């Protein structure tokens, strides 16, 4: 038994142990992929309480070369991958020399059973790690039929690691490795018996190539963005990757990108991130100005993409609703601006009804038609009800409410409808007022016997010309037009009678 010179500081091990379950597991998977394995198997052994008893990660790579053992495990911060960019024709992930030790974030005891090729012979040995110590058995020659590769066995598990046991774990793994698996389709990851297949949960993928970005030192960097839309509810995340799509860092996209109704992961790819990662500067909690610049340009491109996607989704959905005869608006050759605004607001809300109310698609045609009719009527009668629909009816999460509210603010459609309704109501009032003032029969019935004296005309003129009103005389019609922020009244020369009741106008 050989003791490996491994003397980490306590804070170093504490930092490793604080890594998230999925993050730590992904490092073990990356190690297998970097060793050239085309297949990675993750096996979970559960105890009687359905908790995690043991975890195994098996790869069919080149194995851990025993003569280099001291440098591979003993030199923290160094890695055989540091000066190597590809293995088995594929991009290399980790270059910090710490990924293999992330296993201790999963359990207190770790064993590496490795088989490697030396002098045309296959040799195998075991590395055992516990309590900050690493020991390795002497290598022995094994049967030629034994495959090369490494099996990592994690035991003495104290934490619950619910993320690994959750049914969403394969999907979460798929998100992390989506760009890599898309680039290398011959690679497979099997998680607890299920093949990780990003395409099974992807609606679509879009690659966006940004213009070269000039940094503060004058250097320009190339940046591209891959956006993956998912058909399952998932956390919105932004991954900072190398140019090949290997994720180096991830952060939440909440509050950064407005995309109501979409579940997505964005991968910002640039070799500039590799440089920062090697220098230990890829930390989003304390952004470098240049990193912030790259992110801002990327977020603009992503937001623009989702605005286009939302328009596409609305267009296709409206045609489908019309075909199903549940769209609440009638077909017309000409649509006035107010109704056009109503339709656009309705389309946005209805899209989100389909997205966020799971039972909607399962409802019968009559129910769905009635629901749409209620929403359209609410918009028509009370445009301010939009916010109530967003928060109360759809029961959206806070970030989704903010996304949708921001979209409504950008379009200003509710303001158009609300203003148009106010104008329409006031026009109706003026029509009625005009009828009372100028219709012969109305004047006979309502204003009989009341004379408009010169003094009253002066009083009316004084009222209309006050700071609240503006008066303009028309040379062509000899009429007076009195306007304020809320009213417009035209007084014709034939106007002869008015009462004190009109002074409140």
Protein backbone atom coordinates (compact mmCIF):
# COMPACT_ATOMS: atom_id res chain seq x y z
CA UNK A 1 0.00 0.00 0.00
CA UNK A 2 1.41 3.35 -1.07
CA UNK A 3 0.60 6.62 0.64
CA UNK A 4 0.05 9.46 -1.80
CA UNK A 5 1.63 12.78 -0.74
CA UNK A 6 -1.62 14.62 -0.22
CA UNK A 7 -1.65 17.41 2.36
CA UNK A 8 -4.55 19.75 1.64
CA UNK A 9 -5.40 22.63 3.94
CA UNK A 10 -8.61 22.33 5.93
CA UNK A 11 -10.19 25.30 4.19
CA UNK A 12 -9.45 23.66 0.83
CA UNK A 13 -11.34 20.48 1.77
CA UNK A 14 -14.14 22.56 3.27
CA UNK A 15 -14.45 24.48 0.03
CA UNK A 16 -14.63 21.23 -1.94
CA UNK A 17 -17.22 19.75 0.40
CA UNK A 18 -19.45 22.79 -0.04
CA UNK A 19 -19.88 22.10 -3.76
CA UNK A 20 -23.44 21.28 -4.80
CA UNK A 21 -24.39 17.65 -5.38
CA UNK A 22 -24.96 18.02 -9.12
CA UNK A 23 -21.86 20.16 -9.52
CA UNK A 24 -19.68 17.60 -7.73
CA UNK A 25 -21.14 14.70 -9.71
CA UNK A 26 -20.69 16.55 -12.99
CA UNK A 27 -16.98 16.92 -12.22
CA UNK A 28 -16.65 13.15 -11.88
CA UNK A 29 -18.47 12.71 -15.18
CA UNK A 30 -16.19 15.28 -16.83
CA UNK A 31 -13.15 13.36 -15.59
CA UNK A 32 -14.37 10.25 -17.38
CA UNK A 33 -15.09 12.18 -20.56
CA UNK A 34 -11.69 13.89 -20.42
CA UNK A 35 -10.10 10.44 -20.13
CA UNK A 36 -11.57 9.64 -23.55
CA UNK A 37 -14.53 7.51 -22.44
CA UNK A 38 -17.45 7.35 -24.86
CA UNK A 39 -19.79 6.07 -22.13
CA UNK A 40 -20.31 7.22 -18.55
CA UNK A 41 -22.52 5.27 -16.15
CA UNK A 42 -23.79 6.73 -12.90
CA UNK A 43 -25.24 4.17 -10.48
CA UNK A 44 -27.13 5.01 -7.29
CA UNK A 45 -27.50 2.48 -4.50
CA UNK A 46 -30.31 3.29 -2.08
CA UNK A 47 -30.70 2.20 1.53
CA UNK A 48 -33.82 0.94 3.28
CA UNK A 49 -35.03 4.51 3.82
CA UNK A 50 -34.69 5.32 0.09
CA UNK A 51 -31.70 7.50 0.91
CA UNK A 52 -28.41 7.42 -0.96
CA UNK A 53 -26.16 4.65 0.36
CA UNK A 54 -23.48 4.55 -2.32
CA UNK A 55 -22.74 6.25 -5.63
CA UNK A 56 -20.63 4.91 -8.49
CA UNK A 57 -19.36 6.65 -11.61
CA UNK A 58 -17.92 4.27 -14.22
CA UNK A 59 -16.02 5.30 -17.32
CA UNK A 60 -14.20 3.42 -20.09
CA UNK A 61 -11.40 5.90 -20.59
CA UNK A 62 -7.65 5.44 -20.39
CA UNK A 63 -7.61 4.87 -16.63
CA UNK A 64 -5.35 6.53 -14.05
CA UNK A 65 -1.72 5.88 -14.98
CA UNK A 66 -0.05 4.56 -11.82
CA UNK A 67 3.50 5.91 -12.44
CA UNK A 68 2.01 9.43 -12.52
CA UNK A 69 -0.09 8.92 -9.40
CA UNK A 70 1.81 11.31 -7.13
CA UNK A 71 1.53 14.21 -9.55
CA UNK A 72 -2.09 13.41 -10.47
CA UNK A 73 -3.36 13.46 -6.89
CA UNK A 74 -0.61 15.09 -4.89
CA UNK A 75 -0.13 18.32 -6.84
CA UNK A 76 -3.29 20.29 -6.07
CA UNK A 77 -4.00 23.02 -8.58
CA UNK A 78 -2.05 21.21 -11.28
CA UNK A 79 -3.45 18.89 -13.92
CA UNK A 80 -2.24 16.71 -16.76
CA UNK A 81 -4.86 18.51 -18.87
CA UNK A 82 -3.34 21.94 -18.35
CA UNK A 83 -1.28 21.87 -21.52
CA UNK A 84 -3.60 19.58 -23.43
CA UNK A 85 -6.67 20.74 -25.32
CA UNK A 86 -8.14 17.52 -26.72
CA UNK A 87 -8.41 13.82 -25.83
CA UNK A 88 -9.87 11.17 -28.14
CA UNK A 89 -10.68 13.99 -30.57
CA UNK A 90 -12.79 15.85 -28.01
CA UNK A 91 -12.35 19.08 -26.05
CA UNK A 92 -10.90 18.84 -22.53
CA UNK A 93 -12.91 20.21 -19.61
CA UNK A 94 -11.06 20.51 -16.30
CA UNK A 95 -7.56 21.96 -16.03
CA UNK A 96 -7.37 22.92 -12.35
CA UNK A 97 -6.43 19.54 -10.92
CA UNK A 98 -9.28 19.65 -8.39
CA UNK A 99 -12.19 17.94 -10.13
CA UNK A 100 -11.24 14.43 -8.99
CA UNK A 101 -11.41 15.59 -5.37
CA UNK A 102 -14.96 16.92 -5.75
CA UNK A 103 -15.95 13.34 -4.90
CA UNK A 104 -15.43 14.26 -1.24
CA UNK A 105 -18.34 16.71 -1.57
CA UNK A 106 -20.56 13.65 -2.02
CA UNK A 107 -19.24 11.36 0.71
CA UNK A 108 -16.52 11.01 3.33
CA UNK A 109 -14.99 7.91 1.76
CA UNK A 110 -13.95 7.55 -1.88
CA UNK A 111 -12.32 4.71 -3.81
CA UNK A 112 -10.97 4.82 -7.34
CA UNK A 113 -10.67 1.41 -9.01
CA UNK A 114 -8.66 1.96 -12.15
CA UNK A 115 -7.38 -0.23 -14.97
CA UNK A 116 -4.80 1.16 -17.36
CA UNK A 117 -2.50 -0.04 -20.13
CA UNK A 118 1.27 -0.22 -19.52
CA UNK A 119 3.81 -1.97 -21.76
CA UNK A 120 0.98 -3.68 -23.66
CA UNK A 121 -0.34 -5.15 -20.41
CA UNK A 122 -3.40 -4.22 -18.43
CA UNK A 123 -2.78 -3.37 -14.83
CA UNK A 124 -5.25 -2.49 -12.08
CA UNK A 125 -5.11 -0.97 -8.60
CA UNK A 126 -7.29 0.91 -6.08
CA UNK A 127 -6.93 4.35 -4.53
CA UNK A 128 -8.62 4.83 -1.16
CA UNK A 129 -9.33 8.24 0.33
CA UNK A 130 -10.69 9.13 3.77
CA UNK A 131 -10.08 11.77 6.45
CA UNK A 132 -7.75 13.79 4.24
CA UNK A 133 -5.50 10.85 3.41
CA UNK A 134 -5.00 8.99 0.14
CA UNK A 135 -3.47 5.54 -0.25
CA UNK A 136 -3.00 3.38 -3.31
CA UNK A 137 -2.58 -0.39 -3.58
CA UNK A 138 0.17 -1.88 -5.70
CA UNK A 139 -0.85 -2.44 -9.32
CA UNK A 140 -1.37 -6.01 -10.50
CA UNK A 141 -1.60 -7.45 -13.98
CA UNK A 142 -5.15 -8.41 -14.93
CA UNK A 143 -6.86 -10.40 -17.67
CA UNK A 144 -6.68 -8.91 -21.13
CA UNK A 145 -10.48 -9.02 -21.37
CA UNK A 146 -10.87 -6.59 -18.48
CA UNK A 147 -11.77 -3.16 -19.90
CA UNK A 148 -9.62 -0.16 -19.12
CA UNK A 149 -11.21 2.74 -17.29
CA UNK A 150 -12.00 3.97 -13.80
CA UNK A 151 -14.79 3.32 -11.34
CA UNK A 152 -15.28 5.97 -8.63
CA UNK A 153 -17.15 4.66 -5.56
CA UNK A 154 -18.44 7.18 -3.03
CA UNK A 155 -19.64 5.91 0.37
CA UNK A 156 -20.02 7.06 4.00
CA UNK A 157 -22.57 9.52 2.68
CA UNK A 158 -23.86 11.93 5.31
CA UNK A 159 -25.75 14.52 3.26
CA UNK A 160 -29.14 13.69 1.79
CA UNK A 161 -28.23 14.75 -1.79
CA UNK A 162 -31.87 15.16 -2.70
CA UNK A 163 -30.95 16.68 -6.05
CA UNK A 164 -29.34 13.37 -7.10
CA UNK A 165 -32.36 11.30 -6.02
CA UNK A 166 -34.98 13.60 -7.51
CA UNK A 167 -36.71 12.43 -10.67
CA UNK A 168 -35.54 15.60 -12.40
CA UNK A 169 -31.87 14.65 -11.93
CA UNK A 170 -31.41 13.20 -15.46
CA UNK A 171 -32.88 16.40 -16.93
CA UNK A 172 -30.58 18.55 -14.80
CA UNK A 173 -27.59 16.51 -15.95
CA UNK A 174 -28.84 16.90 -19.53
CA UNK A 175 -28.82 20.69 -19.20
CA UNK A 176 -25.22 20.72 -17.95
CA UNK A 177 -23.93 18.50 -20.75
CA UNK A 178 -26.33 19.56 -23.54
CA UNK A 179 -23.77 21.47 -25.68
CA UNK A 180 -21.14 18.76 -25.24
CA UNK A 181 -23.51 15.88 -26.06
CA UNK A 182 -24.84 17.80 -29.05
CA UNK A 183 -21.31 18.34 -30.33
CA UNK A 184 -20.28 14.71 -29.74
CA UNK A 185 -23.36 12.55 -30.43
CA UNK A 186 -21.37 9.32 -30.00
CA UNK A 187 -20.95 10.08 -26.29
CA UNK A 188 -23.58 8.74 -23.88
CA UNK A 189 -24.27 9.28 -20.19
CA UNK A 190 -26.47 6.79 -18.34
CA UNK A 191 -27.88 8.04 -15.06
CA UNK A 192 -29.41 5.50 -12.68
CA UNK A 193 -30.38 3.32 -15.63
CA UNK A 194 -31.78 6.14 -17.80
CA UNK A 195 -29.88 7.52 -20.79
CA UNK A 196 -29.35 11.25 -20.52
CA UNK A 197 -30.80 12.66 -23.72
CA UNK A 198 -30.97 16.47 -23.97
CA UNK A 199 -32.93 16.28 -27.23
CA UNK A 200 -35.82 14.50 -25.48
CA UNK A 201 -36.57 17.67 -23.53
CA UNK A 202 -35.53 20.26 -26.09
CA UNK A 203 -38.05 22.23 -28.08
CA UNK A 204 -35.40 23.93 -30.18
CA UNK A 205 -31.82 25.17 -30.11
CA UNK A 206 -30.58 28.47 -31.54
CA UNK A 207 -26.96 29.48 -32.14
CA UNK A 208 -26.34 33.23 -32.14
CA UNK A 209 -23.01 34.70 -33.28
CA UNK A 210 -22.20 38.11 -31.82
CA UNK A 211 -20.02 40.74 -33.41
CA UNK A 212 -16.45 40.76 -31.99
CA UNK A 213 -16.41 42.53 -28.62
CA UNK A 214 -13.61 44.94 -27.80
CA UNK A 215 -12.36 44.75 -24.22
CA UNK A 216 -10.95 47.56 -22.11
CA UNK A 217 -7.35 46.68 -23.08
CA UNK A 218 -8.18 46.94 -26.79
CA UNK A 219 -8.29 43.19 -27.32
CA UNK A 220 -11.27 41.79 -29.22
CA UNK A 221 -12.89 38.47 -28.35
CA UNK A 222 -15.26 36.24 -30.29
CA UNK A 223 -18.47 35.28 -28.51
CA UNK A 224 -21.37 33.05 -29.50
CA UNK A 225 -24.53 32.10 -27.64
CA UNK A 226 -26.51 28.88 -27.77
CA UNK A 227 -30.05 29.04 -26.42
CA UNK A 228 -31.80 25.76 -25.60
CA UNK A 229 -35.55 25.82 -24.99
CA UNK A 230 -36.95 23.05 -22.80
CA UNK A 231 -40.41 21.46 -22.73
CA UNK A 232 -40.12 20.91 -18.98
CA UNK A 233 -40.13 23.44 -16.16
CA UNK A 234 -36.55 24.23 -15.27
CA UNK A 235 -34.45 26.89 -13.63
CA UNK A 236 -33.31 29.57 -16.01
CA UNK A 237 -29.53 29.47 -16.09
CA UNK A 238 -26.66 31.07 -17.97
CA UNK A 239 -23.57 28.91 -18.49
CA UNK A 240 -20.23 30.50 -19.27
CA UNK A 241 -18.40 28.05 -21.53
CA UNK A 242 -15.29 27.69 -23.62
CA UNK A 243 -15.66 27.95 -27.38
CA UNK A 244 -16.58 24.25 -27.57
CA UNK A 245 -19.50 24.58 -25.16
CA UNK A 246 -17.80 23.07 -22.11
CA UNK A 247 -19.42 24.74 -19.10
CA UNK A 248 -16.98 26.53 -16.77
CA UNK A 249 -19.40 28.46 -14.58
CA UNK A 250 -23.15 28.85 -14.22
CA UNK A 251 -25.41 31.48 -12.76
CA UNK A 252 -29.11 32.24 -12.58
CA UNK A 253 -30.74 34.11 -15.46
CA UNK A 254 -33.56 35.43 -13.27
CA UNK A 255 -33.98 39.16 -13.62
CA UNK A 256 -31.42 39.24 -16.42
CA UNK A 257 -33.47 38.10 -19.41
CA UNK A 258 -37.19 38.69 -20.07
CA UNK A 259 -38.75 35.63 -21.65
CA UNK A 260 -42.30 35.07 -20.32
CA UNK A 261 -43.58 31.54 -20.85
CA UNK A 262 -40.22 30.06 -21.88
CA UNK A 263 -38.02 27.55 -20.07
CA UNK A 264 -34.47 27.84 -21.31
CA UNK A 265 -30.75 27.56 -20.67
CA UNK A 266 -28.28 29.94 -22.31
CA UNK A 267 -24.69 28.97 -23.05
CA UNK A 268 -22.34 31.91 -23.66
CA UNK A 269 -19.26 30.54 -25.38
CA UNK A 270 -15.83 32.16 -25.65
CA UNK A 271 -12.22 31.13 -25.03
CA UNK A 272 -11.93 34.40 -23.12
CA UNK A 273 -13.70 32.63 -20.25
CA UNK A 274 -11.02 29.91 -20.28
CA UNK A 275 -8.34 32.52 -19.64
CA UNK A 276 -10.29 33.99 -16.74
CA UNK A 277 -11.05 30.56 -15.33
CA UNK A 278 -7.38 29.61 -15.30
CA UNK A 279 -6.63 32.85 -13.44
CA UNK A 280 -9.44 32.21 -10.97
CA UNK A 281 -11.27 35.37 -12.04
CA UNK A 282 -14.45 33.84 -13.38
CA UNK A 283 -16.57 34.88 -10.40
CA UNK A 284 -19.90 36.51 -11.14
CA UNK A 285 -20.36 37.85 -7.63
CA UNK A 286 -17.61 40.37 -8.36
CA UNK A 287 -17.83 40.95 -12.09
CA UNK A 288 -14.93 42.28 -14.04
CA UNK A 289 -15.99 45.13 -16.34
CA UNK A 290 -15.00 43.12 -19.41
CA UNK A 291 -17.04 40.10 -18.29
CA UNK A 292 -19.98 42.39 -17.61
CA UNK A 293 -19.61 43.81 -21.13
CA UNK A 294 -19.70 40.32 -22.68
CA UNK A 295 -22.75 39.40 -20.61
CA UNK A 296 -24.63 42.59 -21.52
CA UNK A 297 -24.07 42.03 -25.24
CA UNK A 298 -25.09 38.39 -24.89
CA UNK A 299 -28.23 39.22 -22.92
CA UNK A 300 -29.30 41.74 -25.55
CA UNK A 301 -29.01 39.06 -28.22
CA UNK A 302 -30.91 36.52 -26.11
CA UNK A 303 -33.71 38.99 -25.31
CA UNK A 304 -34.04 39.87 -28.99
CA UNK A 305 -34.30 36.17 -29.82
CA UNK A 306 -37.11 35.61 -27.33
CA UNK A 307 -39.07 38.63 -28.58
CA UNK A 308 -39.03 37.02 -32.01
CA UNK A 309 -39.94 33.62 -30.55
CA UNK A 310 -42.87 35.15 -28.69
CA UNK A 311 -44.16 36.71 -31.90
CA UNK A 312 -43.85 33.35 -33.67
CA UNK A 313 -45.63 31.57 -30.85
CA UNK A 314 -48.47 34.09 -30.87
CA UNK A 315 -48.94 33.87 -34.63
CA UNK A 316 -49.14 30.08 -34.68
CA UNK A 317 -51.39 29.94 -31.62
CA UNK A 318 -53.88 32.48 -32.98
CA UNK A 319 -54.30 30.52 -36.20
CA UNK A 320 -54.85 27.35 -34.17
CA UNK A 321 -57.44 29.04 -31.95
CA UNK A 322 -59.27 30.32 -35.01
CA UNK A 323 -59.31 26.84 -36.51
CA UNK A 324 -60.70 25.48 -33.22
CA UNK A 325 -63.28 28.32 -33.21
CA UNK A 326 -62.37 29.45 -29.68
CA UNK A 327 -60.78 32.80 -30.62
CA UNK A 328 -63.07 35.49 -29.14
CA UNK A 329 -62.62 38.08 -31.89
CA UNK A 330 -64.51 38.06 -35.19
CA UNK A 331 -62.83 38.13 -38.57
CA UNK A 332 -62.92 41.64 -40.02
CA UNK A 333 -61.48 43.26 -43.11
CA UNK A 334 -60.62 46.40 -41.16
CA UNK A 335 -59.79 46.64 -37.46
CA UNK A 336 -59.63 49.96 -35.63
CA UNK A 337 -56.53 50.73 -33.52
CA UNK A 338 -58.30 50.13 -30.23
CA UNK A 339 -59.45 46.63 -31.12
CA UNK A 340 -56.05 45.90 -32.63
CA UNK A 341 -54.48 46.76 -29.28
CA UNK A 342 -57.06 44.64 -27.45
CA UNK A 343 -56.24 41.67 -29.67
CA UNK A 344 -52.52 41.99 -29.13
CA UNK A 345 -52.87 42.17 -25.36
CA UNK A 346 -55.27 39.24 -25.43
CA UNK A 347 -52.86 37.15 -27.53
CA UNK A 348 -50.05 37.70 -25.01
CA UNK A 349 -52.25 36.76 -22.05
CA UNK A 350 -53.84 33.78 -23.81
CA UNK A 351 -50.42 32.36 -24.70
CA UNK A 352 -49.53 32.46 -21.02
CA UNK A 353 -52.85 30.88 -20.06
CA UNK A 354 -51.92 27.89 -22.21
CA UNK A 355 -48.39 27.83 -20.77
CA UNK A 356 -49.17 28.20 -17.08
CA UNK A 357 -52.55 26.50 -16.64
CA UNK A 358 -51.83 22.78 -17.14
CA UNK A 359 -55.53 21.88 -17.14
CA UNK A 360 -56.36 24.29 -19.94
CA UNK A 361 -55.34 22.00 -22.80
CA UNK A 362 -57.28 19.13 -21.24
CA UNK A 363 -60.48 21.18 -20.96
CA UNK A 364 -63.25 20.77 -23.54
CA UNK A 365 -63.74 23.23 -26.36
CA UNK A 366 -66.69 24.96 -24.67
CA UNK A 367 -64.69 25.65 -21.50
CA UNK A 368 -61.66 26.98 -23.36
CA UNK A 369 -63.84 29.20 -25.54
CA UNK A 370 -65.62 30.56 -22.47
CA UNK A 371 -62.29 31.25 -20.72
CA UNK A 372 -60.97 33.20 -23.69
CA UNK A 373 -64.25 35.12 -23.94
CA UNK A 374 -64.00 36.15 -20.29
CA UNK A 375 -60.43 37.39 -20.73
CA UNK A 376 -61.35 39.37 -23.86
CA UNK A 377 -64.36 40.89 -22.11
CA UNK A 378 -62.26 41.83 -19.09
CA UNK A 379 -59.79 43.63 -21.33
CA UNK A 380 -62.60 45.41 -23.16
CA UNK A 381 -64.46 46.59 -20.06
CA UNK A 382 -61.56 47.04 -17.63
CA UNK A 383 -58.05 47.18 -19.13
CA UNK A 384 -56.57 47.60 -15.65
CA UNK A 385 -57.64 43.99 -14.94
CA UNK A 386 -54.55 42.81 -16.84
CA UNK A 387 -52.45 42.85 -13.67
CA UNK A 388 -55.12 40.89 -11.79
CA UNK A 389 -55.13 38.26 -14.54
CA UNK A 390 -51.34 38.03 -14.39
CA UNK A 391 -51.10 37.63 -10.61
CA UNK A 392 -54.43 36.13 -9.59
CA UNK A 393 -55.76 34.05 -12.45
CA UNK A 394 -52.51 32.69 -13.90
CA UNK A 395 -50.89 32.43 -10.45
CA UNK A 396 -47.48 33.06 -12.00
CA UNK A 397 -44.23 32.94 -10.11
CA UNK A 398 -42.81 36.33 -9.18
CA UNK A 399 -40.15 36.26 -11.90
CA UNK A 400 -42.73 35.26 -14.54
CA UNK A 401 -45.05 38.04 -13.37
CA UNK A 402 -42.17 40.49 -13.79
CA UNK A 403 -41.40 39.14 -17.26
CA UNK A 404 -44.98 39.47 -18.45
CA UNK A 405 -45.48 42.85 -16.79
CA UNK A 406 -42.29 44.12 -18.43
CA UNK A 407 -43.53 42.91 -21.80
CA UNK A 408 -46.81 44.75 -21.30
CA UNK A 409 -44.94 47.91 -20.35
CA UNK A 410 -42.82 47.65 -23.47
CA UNK A 411 -45.82 47.32 -25.77
CA UNK A 412 -47.89 50.01 -23.95
CA UNK A 413 -50.97 48.25 -25.32
CA UNK A 414 -52.95 48.42 -22.11
CA UNK A 415 -52.36 52.17 -22.02
CA UNK A 416 -53.69 52.42 -25.56
CA UNK A 417 -56.83 50.51 -24.64
CA UNK A 418 -57.34 52.39 -21.39
CA UNK A 419 -56.88 55.77 -23.06
CA UNK A 420 -59.14 54.79 -25.94
CA UNK A 421 -61.87 53.72 -23.51
CA UNK A 422 -61.60 57.03 -21.66
CA UNK A 423 -61.81 58.95 -24.92
CA UNK A 424 -64.78 56.86 -26.06
CA UNK A 425 -66.66 57.47 -22.81
CA UNK A 426 -66.04 61.20 -23.02
CA UNK A 427 -67.11 61.30 -26.64
CA UNK A 428 -70.35 59.60 -25.65
CA UNK A 429 -70.85 62.28 -23.01
CA UNK A 430 -70.21 65.06 -25.51
CA UNK A 431 -72.62 63.52 -28.00
CA UNK A 432 -75.30 63.55 -25.33
CA UNK A 433 -74.36 67.11 -24.35
CA UNK A 434 -74.52 68.23 -27.97
CA UNK A 435 -77.95 66.69 -28.26
CA UNK A 436 -79.15 68.59 -25.19
CA UNK A 437 -77.69 71.86 -26.39
CA UNK A 438 -78.34 71.91 -30.11
CA UNK A 439 -81.09 69.48 -31.07
CA UNK A 440 -84.25 71.53 -31.68
CA UNK A 441 -86.56 69.09 -29.96
CA UNK A 442 -84.15 68.71 -27.04
CA UNK A 443 -83.82 72.45 -26.67
CA UNK A 444 -87.58 72.74 -26.72
CA UNK A 445 -88.01 70.15 -23.99
CA UNK A 446 -85.03 70.95 -21.78
CA UNK A 447 -84.16 74.60 -22.25
CA UNK A 448 -87.57 76.19 -22.97
CA UNK A 449 -87.99 79.72 -21.71
CA UNK A 450 -84.43 80.19 -20.51
CA UNK A 451 -82.54 82.99 -22.22
CA UNK A 452 -78.81 83.19 -22.50
CA UNK A 453 -78.10 86.81 -21.57
CA UNK A 454 -75.05 88.80 -22.49
CA UNK A 455 -73.81 88.53 -18.94
CA UNK A 456 -74.05 84.72 -19.04
CA UNK A 457 -72.17 84.61 -22.33
CA UNK A 458 -69.42 86.63 -20.66
CA UNK A 459 -69.53 84.29 -17.69
CA UNK A 460 -69.23 81.24 -19.94
CA UNK A 461 -66.40 82.84 -21.87
CA UNK A 462 -64.59 83.71 -18.68
CA UNK A 463 -64.99 80.14 -17.44
CA UNK A 464 -63.75 78.58 -20.64
CA UNK A 465 -60.80 80.95 -20.92
CA UNK A 466 -59.60 80.24 -17.41
CA UNK A 467 -56.40 78.29 -16.70
CA UNK A 468 -58.37 75.09 -16.99
CA UNK A 469 -59.68 75.77 -20.49
CA UNK A 470 -58.42 77.13 -23.77
CA UNK A 471 -60.75 78.93 -26.20
CA UNK A 472 -60.16 79.15 -29.94
CA UNK A 473 -62.52 80.86 -32.38
CA UNK A 474 -62.95 79.37 -35.85
CA UNK A 475 -63.02 81.99 -38.65
CA UNK A 476 -64.76 79.60 -41.03
CA UNK A 477 -67.60 78.40 -38.81
CA UNK A 478 -67.69 81.36 -36.41
CA UNK A 479 -67.82 78.80 -33.60
CA UNK A 480 -65.90 78.67 -30.35
CA UNK A 481 -64.02 75.56 -29.32
CA UNK A 482 -63.34 75.17 -25.60
CA UNK A 483 -60.87 72.46 -24.56
CA UNK A 484 -59.37 71.16 -21.35
CA UNK A 485 -57.44 68.02 -20.42
CA UNK A 486 -60.70 66.09 -20.24
CA UNK A 487 -63.26 67.85 -22.46
CA UNK A 488 -63.76 69.62 -25.74
CA UNK A 489 -66.90 71.73 -26.33
CA UNK A 490 -67.84 73.53 -29.54
CA UNK A 491 -70.28 76.43 -29.24
CA UNK A 492 -71.93 77.37 -32.55
CA UNK A 493 -73.31 80.85 -33.37
CA UNK A 494 -76.83 79.43 -33.17
CA UNK A 495 -76.32 78.59 -29.52
CA UNK A 496 -78.85 80.68 -27.58
CA UNK A 497 -79.77 78.97 -24.36
CA UNK A 498 -77.87 77.51 -21.45
CA UNK A 499 -78.48 77.11 -17.72
CA UNK A 500 -76.42 77.53 -14.57
CA UNK A 501 -76.19 73.70 -14.46
CA UNK A 502 -73.54 73.83 -17.14
CA UNK A 503 -71.10 75.77 -15.02
CA UNK A 504 -69.58 72.51 -13.63
CA UNK A 505 -68.43 71.33 -17.04
